[in-house]
Amino acid sequence: MNTKFALLARFENPTVELKQVSQEFFGITS
């Protein structure tokens, strides 16, 4: 699956912030 489309499907925005993606998918908090 294309990552861009995966983000678009999940966040309705293909340019979602990396911080938001990292926190949700990897449990990383900064």
PDB file of N, CA and C in Angstrom:
ATOM      1  N   MET A   1       0.846  -1.197   0.000  1.00  0.00           N
ATOM      2  CA  MET A   1       0.000   0.000   0.000  1.00  0.00           C
ATOM      3  C   MET A   1       0.882   1.248   0.000  1.00  0.00           C
ATOM      4  N   ASN A   2       0.461   2.225  -0.748  1.00  0.00           N
ATOM      5  CA  ASN A   2       1.205   3.477  -0.811  1.00  0.00           C
ATOM      6  C   ASN A   2       1.022   4.246   0.496  1.00  0.00           C
ATOM      7  N   THR A   3       2.132   4.660   1.077  1.00  0.00           N
ATOM      8  CA  THR A   3       2.082   5.363   2.358  1.00  0.00           C
ATOM      9  C   THR A   3       1.247   6.628   2.290  1.00  0.00           C
ATOM     10  N   LYS A   4       1.368   7.338   1.169  1.00  0.00           N
ATOM     11  CA  LYS A   4       0.624   8.588   1.028  1.00  0.00           C
ATOM     12  C   LYS A   4      -0.875   8.341   1.089  1.00  0.00           C
ATOM     13  N   PHE A   5      -1.323   7.278   0.417  1.00  0.00           N
ATOM     14  CA  PHE A   5      -2.748   6.966   0.440  1.00  0.00           C
ATOM     15  C   PHE A   5      -3.176   6.431   1.803  1.00  0.00           C
ATOM     16  N   ALA A   6      -2.277   5.746   2.475  1.00  0.00           N
ATOM     17  CA  ALA A   6      -2.579   5.254   3.815  1.00  0.00           C
ATOM     18  C   ALA A   6      -2.797   6.419   4.769  1.00  0.00           C
ATOM     19  N   LEU A   7      -1.933   7.429   4.657  1.00  0.00           N
ATOM     20  CA  LEU A   7      -2.089   8.618   5.498  1.00  0.00           C
ATOM     21  C   LEU A   7      -3.352   9.376   5.132  1.00  0.00           C
ATOM     22  N   LEU A   8      -3.631   9.438   3.839  1.00  0.00           N
ATOM     23  CA  LEU A   8      -4.825  10.145   3.380  1.00  0.00           C
ATOM     24  C   LEU A   8      -6.080   9.474   3.922  1.00  0.00           C
ATOM     25  N   ALA A   9      -6.074   8.151   3.947  1.00  0.00           N
ATOM     26  CA  ALA A   9      -7.225   7.408   4.443  1.00  0.00           C
ATOM     27  C   ALA A   9      -7.367   7.549   5.960  1.00  0.00           C
ATOM     28  N   ARG A  10      -6.242   7.613   6.653  1.00  0.00           N
ATOM     29  CA  ARG A  10      -6.271   7.660   8.115  1.00  0.00           C
ATOM     30  C   ARG A  10      -6.528   9.066   8.648  1.00  0.00           C
ATOM     31  N   PHE A  11      -5.859  10.051   8.038  1.00  0.00           N
ATOM     32  CA  PHE A  11      -5.916  11.405   8.575  1.00  0.00           C
ATOM     33  C   PHE A  11      -6.643  12.392   7.674  1.00  0.00           C
ATOM     34  N   GLU A  12      -7.059  11.920   6.488  1.00  0.00           N
ATOM     35  CA  GLU A  12      -7.706  12.785   5.495  1.00  0.00           C
ATOM     36  C   GLU A  12      -6.791  13.944   5.102  1.00  0.00           C
ATOM     37  N   ASN A  13      -5.498  13.715   5.225  1.00  0.00           N
ATOM     38  CA  ASN A  13      -4.508  14.735   4.872  1.00  0.00           C
ATOM     39  C   ASN A  13      -3.164  14.049   4.629  1.00  0.00           C
ATOM     40  N   PRO A  14      -2.680  14.042   3.390  1.00  0.00           N
ATOM     41  CA  PRO A  14      -1.436  13.330   3.073  1.00  0.00           C
ATOM     42  C   PRO A  14      -0.189  14.017   3.623  1.00  0.00           C
ATOM     43  N   THR A  15      -0.340  15.234   4.122  1.00  0.00           N
ATOM     44  CA  THR A  15       0.806  15.966   4.658  1.00  0.00           C
ATOM     45  C   THR A  15       0.667  16.149   6.163  1.00  0.00           C
ATOM     46  N   VAL A  16       0.122  15.120   6.818  1.00  0.00           N
ATOM     47  CA  VAL A  16      -0.045  15.161   8.266  1.00  0.00           C
ATOM     48  C   VAL A  16       1.320  15.280   8.932  1.00  0.00           C
ATOM     49  N   GLU A  17       1.364  15.913  10.084  1.00  0.00           N
ATOM     50  CA  GLU A  17       2.629  16.130  10.770  1.00  0.00           C
ATOM     51  C   GLU A  17       3.268  14.807  11.184  1.00  0.00           C
ATOM     52  N   LEU A  18       4.579  14.743  11.001  1.00  0.00           N
ATOM     53  CA  LEU A  18       5.311  13.539  11.364  1.00  0.00           C
ATOM     54  C   LEU A  18       5.157  13.217  12.845  1.00  0.00           C
ATOM     55  N   LYS A  19       5.104  14.254  13.667  1.00  0.00           N
ATOM     56  CA  LYS A  19       4.951  14.069  15.111  1.00  0.00           C
ATOM     57  C   LYS A  19       3.657  13.332  15.427  1.00  0.00           C
ATOM     58  N   GLN A  20       2.593  13.713  14.735  1.00  0.00           N
ATOM     59  CA  GLN A  20       1.303  13.082  14.969  1.00  0.00           C
ATOM     60  C   GLN A  20       1.319  11.623  14.523  1.00  0.00           C
ATOM     61  N   VAL A  21       1.944  11.373  13.372  1.00  0.00           N
ATOM     62  CA  VAL A  21       2.040  10.012  12.860  1.00  0.00           C
ATOM     63  C   VAL A  21       2.888   9.153  13.788  1.00  0.00           C
ATOM     64  N   SER A  22       4.030   9.678  14.204  1.00  0.00           N
ATOM     65  CA  SER A  22       4.944   8.928  15.057  1.00  0.00           C
ATOM     66  C   SER A  22       4.294   8.563  16.386  1.00  0.00           C
ATOM     67  N   GLN A  23       3.566   9.512  16.954  1.00  0.00           N
ATOM     68  CA  GLN A  23       2.939   9.270  18.250  1.00  0.00           C
ATOM     69  C   GLN A  23       1.892   8.175  18.146  1.00  0.00           C
ATOM     70  N   GLU A  24       1.115   8.182  17.065  1.00  0.00           N
ATOM     71  CA  GLU A  24       0.052   7.201  16.932  1.00  0.00           C
ATOM     72  C   GLU A  24       0.573   5.816  16.577  1.00  0.00           C
ATOM     73  N   PHE A  25       1.516   5.759  15.622  1.00  0.00           N
ATOM     74  CA  PHE A  25       1.948   4.466  15.111  1.00  0.00           C
ATOM     75  C   PHE A  25       3.123   3.868  15.869  1.00  0.00           C
ATOM     76  N   PHE A  26       3.936   4.700  16.503  1.00  0.00           N
ATOM     77  CA  PHE A  26       5.136   4.194  17.154  1.00  0.00           C
ATOM     78  C   PHE A  26       5.187   4.511  18.643  1.00  0.00           C
ATOM     79  N   GLY A  27       4.205   5.254  19.125  1.00  0.00           N
ATOM     80  CA  GLY A  27       4.174   5.580  20.540  1.00  0.00           C
ATOM     81  C   GLY A  27       5.280   6.538  20.950  1.00  0.00           C
ATOM     82  N   ILE A  28       5.771   7.329  19.994  1.00  0.00           N
ATOM     83  CA  ILE A  28       6.854   8.267  20.268  1.00  0.00           C
ATOM     84  C   ILE A  28       6.265   9.623  20.659  1.00  0.00           C
ATOM     85  N   THR A  29       6.743  10.156  21.758  1.00  0.00           N
ATOM     86  CA  THR A  29       6.312  11.490  22.168  1.00  0.00           C
ATOM     87  C   THR A  29       7.529  12.385  22.263  1.00  0.00           C
ATOM     88  N   SER A  30       7.374  13.608  21.828  1.00  0.00           N
ATOM     89  CA  SER A  30       8.506  14.534  21.855  1.00  0.00           C
ATOM     90  C   SER A  30       8.187  15.719  22.755  1.00  0.00           C
TER      91      SER A  30
END
